[in-house]
N, C-alpha and C. Protein backbone atom coordinates (compact mmCIF):
# COMPACT_ATOMS: atom_id res chain seq x y z
N UNK A 1 11.42 -19.09 17.92
CA UNK A 1 12.04 -17.79 18.09
C UNK A 1 12.72 -17.37 16.81
N UNK A 2 12.64 -16.09 16.51
CA UNK A 2 13.21 -15.58 15.26
C UNK A 2 14.72 -15.41 15.37
N UNK A 3 15.39 -15.65 14.30
CA UNK A 3 16.86 -15.52 14.23
C UNK A 3 17.20 -14.02 14.12
N UNK A 4 17.86 -13.47 15.12
CA UNK A 4 18.14 -12.04 15.19
C UNK A 4 18.95 -11.50 14.01
N UNK A 5 19.75 -12.32 13.33
CA UNK A 5 20.58 -11.82 12.25
C UNK A 5 19.75 -11.35 11.05
N UNK A 6 18.50 -11.76 10.98
CA UNK A 6 17.64 -11.40 9.84
C UNK A 6 16.76 -10.19 10.14
N UNK A 7 16.84 -9.61 11.32
CA UNK A 7 15.97 -8.50 11.67
C UNK A 7 16.61 -7.17 11.28
N UNK A 8 15.80 -6.24 10.73
CA UNK A 8 16.32 -4.92 10.41
C UNK A 8 16.16 -4.01 11.62
N UNK A 9 16.42 -2.70 11.42
CA UNK A 9 16.39 -1.77 12.54
C UNK A 9 15.02 -1.60 13.18
N UNK A 10 13.94 -1.99 12.48
CA UNK A 10 12.59 -1.92 13.05
C UNK A 10 12.12 -3.28 13.56
N UNK A 11 12.96 -4.27 13.47
CA UNK A 11 12.57 -5.59 13.93
C UNK A 11 11.81 -6.40 12.87
N UNK A 12 11.78 -5.89 11.63
CA UNK A 12 11.09 -6.62 10.56
C UNK A 12 12.03 -7.69 10.00
N UNK A 13 11.46 -8.79 9.62
CA UNK A 13 12.23 -9.91 9.09
C UNK A 13 12.65 -9.59 7.66
N UNK A 14 13.96 -9.46 7.39
CA UNK A 14 14.47 -9.09 6.07
C UNK A 14 14.34 -10.23 5.07
N UNK A 15 14.02 -11.44 5.52
CA UNK A 15 13.90 -12.57 4.58
C UNK A 15 12.59 -12.52 3.82
N UNK A 16 11.68 -11.67 4.20
CA UNK A 16 10.39 -11.60 3.50
C UNK A 16 10.43 -10.46 2.48
N UNK A 17 9.56 -10.55 1.51
CA UNK A 17 9.46 -9.50 0.48
C UNK A 17 8.64 -8.32 0.95
N UNK A 18 7.87 -8.48 1.99
CA UNK A 18 6.93 -7.46 2.40
C UNK A 18 6.97 -7.35 3.92
N UNK A 19 7.20 -6.15 4.40
CA UNK A 19 7.11 -5.89 5.85
C UNK A 19 5.78 -5.19 6.10
N UNK A 20 5.24 -5.32 7.27
CA UNK A 20 3.95 -4.68 7.54
C UNK A 20 4.07 -3.81 8.80
N UNK A 21 3.24 -2.80 8.81
CA UNK A 21 3.12 -1.92 9.97
C UNK A 21 1.71 -2.11 10.50
N UNK A 22 1.60 -2.44 11.77
CA UNK A 22 0.31 -2.72 12.36
C UNK A 22 -0.13 -1.53 13.21
N UNK A 23 -1.27 -0.94 12.83
CA UNK A 23 -1.90 0.13 13.58
C UNK A 23 -0.92 1.23 13.97
N UNK A 24 -0.15 1.71 13.00
CA UNK A 24 0.75 2.83 13.27
C UNK A 24 1.97 2.46 14.07
N UNK A 25 2.37 1.22 14.03
CA UNK A 25 3.54 0.77 14.80
C UNK A 25 4.83 1.22 14.13
N UNK A 26 5.06 2.55 14.12
CA UNK A 26 6.25 3.13 13.51
C UNK A 26 6.57 4.45 14.18
N UNK A 27 7.74 4.95 13.89
CA UNK A 27 8.16 6.28 14.36
C UNK A 27 8.14 7.16 13.10
N UNK A 28 7.14 8.03 12.97
CA UNK A 28 6.98 8.79 11.73
C UNK A 28 8.22 9.56 11.30
N UNK A 29 8.97 10.12 12.25
CA UNK A 29 10.17 10.89 11.88
C UNK A 29 11.22 10.03 11.20
N UNK A 30 11.19 8.71 11.43
CA UNK A 30 12.11 7.79 10.77
C UNK A 30 11.45 7.10 9.58
N UNK A 31 10.20 6.69 9.78
CA UNK A 31 9.53 5.87 8.79
C UNK A 31 9.21 6.63 7.50
N UNK A 32 8.66 7.83 7.61
CA UNK A 32 8.25 8.57 6.41
C UNK A 32 9.46 8.94 5.54
N UNK A 33 10.54 9.48 6.11
CA UNK A 33 11.71 9.73 5.24
C UNK A 33 12.26 8.45 4.60
N UNK A 34 12.18 7.34 5.30
CA UNK A 34 12.64 6.07 4.73
C UNK A 34 11.76 5.67 3.54
N UNK A 35 10.42 5.81 3.69
CA UNK A 35 9.53 5.50 2.56
C UNK A 35 9.80 6.41 1.37
N UNK A 36 10.04 7.68 1.63
CA UNK A 36 10.34 8.62 0.54
C UNK A 36 11.61 8.20 -0.18
N UNK A 37 12.65 7.86 0.57
CA UNK A 37 13.90 7.44 -0.02
C UNK A 37 13.74 6.15 -0.84
N UNK A 38 12.99 5.20 -0.30
CA UNK A 38 12.73 3.96 -1.03
C UNK A 38 11.99 4.26 -2.33
N UNK A 39 10.99 5.17 -2.27
CA UNK A 39 10.24 5.53 -3.47
C UNK A 39 11.16 6.18 -4.51
N UNK A 40 12.00 7.10 -4.07
CA UNK A 40 12.92 7.78 -4.99
C UNK A 40 13.89 6.81 -5.65
N UNK A 41 14.23 5.74 -4.94
CA UNK A 41 15.15 4.75 -5.48
C UNK A 41 14.44 3.62 -6.23
N UNK A 42 13.12 3.78 -6.42
CA UNK A 42 12.36 2.78 -7.16
C UNK A 42 12.12 1.49 -6.41
N UNK A 43 12.22 1.53 -5.07
CA UNK A 43 12.07 0.30 -4.29
C UNK A 43 10.76 0.27 -3.50
N UNK A 44 9.91 1.30 -3.66
CA UNK A 44 8.60 1.36 -2.98
C UNK A 44 7.55 1.74 -4.00
N UNK A 45 6.79 0.78 -4.49
CA UNK A 45 5.86 1.02 -5.62
C UNK A 45 4.56 1.70 -5.17
N UNK A 46 4.66 2.94 -4.74
CA UNK A 46 3.51 3.69 -4.25
C UNK A 46 2.35 3.69 -5.24
N UNK A 47 2.66 3.80 -6.53
CA UNK A 47 1.61 3.85 -7.54
C UNK A 47 0.85 2.54 -7.66
N UNK A 48 1.38 1.44 -7.13
CA UNK A 48 0.68 0.14 -7.18
C UNK A 48 -0.15 -0.11 -5.93
N UNK A 49 0.02 0.70 -4.91
CA UNK A 49 -0.69 0.44 -3.67
C UNK A 49 -2.17 0.76 -3.77
N UNK A 50 -2.48 1.87 -4.38
CA UNK A 50 -3.89 2.31 -4.40
C UNK A 50 -4.22 2.90 -5.76
N UNK A 51 -5.36 2.54 -6.27
CA UNK A 51 -5.85 3.11 -7.53
C UNK A 51 -7.34 3.36 -7.38
N UNK A 52 -7.81 4.39 -8.04
CA UNK A 52 -9.22 4.77 -7.95
C UNK A 52 -9.94 4.39 -9.24
N UNK A 53 -11.15 3.88 -9.08
CA UNK A 53 -11.99 3.46 -10.20
C UNK A 53 -13.40 4.00 -9.99
N UNK A 54 -14.05 4.48 -11.06
CA UNK A 54 -15.48 4.80 -10.91
C UNK A 54 -16.23 3.51 -10.65
N UNK A 55 -17.34 3.60 -9.97
CA UNK A 55 -18.10 2.41 -9.60
C UNK A 55 -18.45 1.54 -10.82
N UNK A 56 -18.66 2.20 -11.94
CA UNK A 56 -19.00 1.45 -13.15
C UNK A 56 -17.88 0.51 -13.59
N UNK A 57 -16.67 0.72 -13.11
CA UNK A 57 -15.54 -0.12 -13.48
C UNK A 57 -15.19 -1.11 -12.35
N UNK A 58 -16.19 -1.54 -11.62
CA UNK A 58 -15.97 -2.44 -10.49
C UNK A 58 -15.26 -3.73 -10.93
N UNK A 59 -15.65 -4.26 -12.09
CA UNK A 59 -15.03 -5.50 -12.56
C UNK A 59 -13.55 -5.28 -12.94
N UNK A 60 -13.23 -4.14 -13.51
CA UNK A 60 -11.84 -3.81 -13.82
C UNK A 60 -11.02 -3.67 -12.54
N UNK A 61 -11.60 -3.07 -11.51
CA UNK A 61 -10.91 -2.91 -10.23
C UNK A 61 -10.62 -4.28 -9.62
N UNK A 62 -11.58 -5.18 -9.68
CA UNK A 62 -11.39 -6.53 -9.13
C UNK A 62 -10.32 -7.27 -9.92
N UNK A 63 -10.35 -7.15 -11.25
CA UNK A 63 -9.37 -7.81 -12.08
C UNK A 63 -7.95 -7.30 -11.81
N UNK A 64 -7.82 -5.98 -11.65
CA UNK A 64 -6.51 -5.38 -11.40
C UNK A 64 -5.95 -5.88 -10.04
N UNK A 65 -6.83 -6.02 -9.08
CA UNK A 65 -6.41 -6.52 -7.77
C UNK A 65 -5.98 -7.98 -7.87
N UNK A 66 -6.77 -8.78 -8.53
CA UNK A 66 -6.49 -10.22 -8.69
C UNK A 66 -5.17 -10.46 -9.43
N UNK A 67 -4.83 -9.57 -10.36
CA UNK A 67 -3.60 -9.74 -11.15
C UNK A 67 -2.40 -9.00 -10.56
N UNK A 68 -2.56 -8.44 -9.37
CA UNK A 68 -1.46 -7.78 -8.70
C UNK A 68 -1.07 -6.44 -9.28
N UNK A 69 -1.94 -5.86 -10.05
CA UNK A 69 -1.65 -4.54 -10.64
C UNK A 69 -1.85 -3.42 -9.62
N UNK A 70 -2.66 -3.67 -8.64
CA UNK A 70 -2.95 -2.70 -7.57
C UNK A 70 -3.25 -3.48 -6.30
N UNK A 71 -2.82 -2.95 -5.17
CA UNK A 71 -3.06 -3.62 -3.89
C UNK A 71 -4.45 -3.24 -3.34
N UNK A 72 -4.81 -1.98 -3.42
CA UNK A 72 -6.07 -1.50 -2.83
C UNK A 72 -6.87 -0.74 -3.88
N UNK A 73 -7.68 -1.44 -4.70
CA UNK A 73 -8.53 -0.72 -5.63
C UNK A 73 -9.66 -0.03 -4.85
N UNK A 74 -9.86 1.23 -5.12
CA UNK A 74 -10.87 2.02 -4.40
C UNK A 74 -11.93 2.49 -5.38
N UNK A 75 -13.18 2.15 -5.09
CA UNK A 75 -14.29 2.55 -5.95
C UNK A 75 -14.81 3.91 -5.53
N UNK A 76 -15.05 4.74 -6.52
CA UNK A 76 -15.68 6.04 -6.27
C UNK A 76 -17.14 5.96 -6.72
N UNK A 77 -18.00 6.25 -5.80
CA UNK A 77 -19.44 6.23 -6.10
C UNK A 77 -19.91 7.66 -6.19
N UNK A 78 -20.30 8.07 -7.40
CA UNK A 78 -20.78 9.42 -7.61
C UNK A 78 -22.20 9.56 -7.07
N UNK A 79 -22.44 10.62 -6.38
CA UNK A 79 -23.79 10.89 -5.90
C UNK A 79 -24.22 12.21 -6.46
N UNK A 80 -25.49 12.28 -6.81
CA UNK A 80 -26.03 13.52 -7.34
C UNK A 80 -27.24 13.92 -6.49
N UNK A 81 -27.30 15.18 -6.21
CA UNK A 81 -28.44 15.68 -5.46
C UNK A 81 -29.61 15.87 -6.42
N UNK A 82 -30.74 15.41 -6.02
CA UNK A 82 -31.95 15.58 -6.85
C UNK A 82 -32.67 16.81 -6.33
N UNK A 83 -32.79 17.79 -7.20
CA UNK A 83 -33.47 19.02 -6.81
C UNK A 83 -34.90 18.97 -7.30
N UNK A 84 -35.80 19.41 -6.44
CA UNK A 84 -37.21 19.40 -6.85
C UNK A 84 -37.67 20.75 -7.28
């Protein structure tokens, strides 16, 4: 059983460095303003969560993820319509 003294107002364990939200398990009216405030105070690294890479830079995306530079590298695959 978890020690109640370590739980925050959402029931997340404050002893960890990372809290998680599972399948929208939050109250948006409370959660979103809290994320904004954390970001403004430099405590929520939004810019490290997701980064976009062209497909040609797949190896760079993998390297950035492995080195903790980005949490979710997203590849963009360009498609071109072939006109006849």
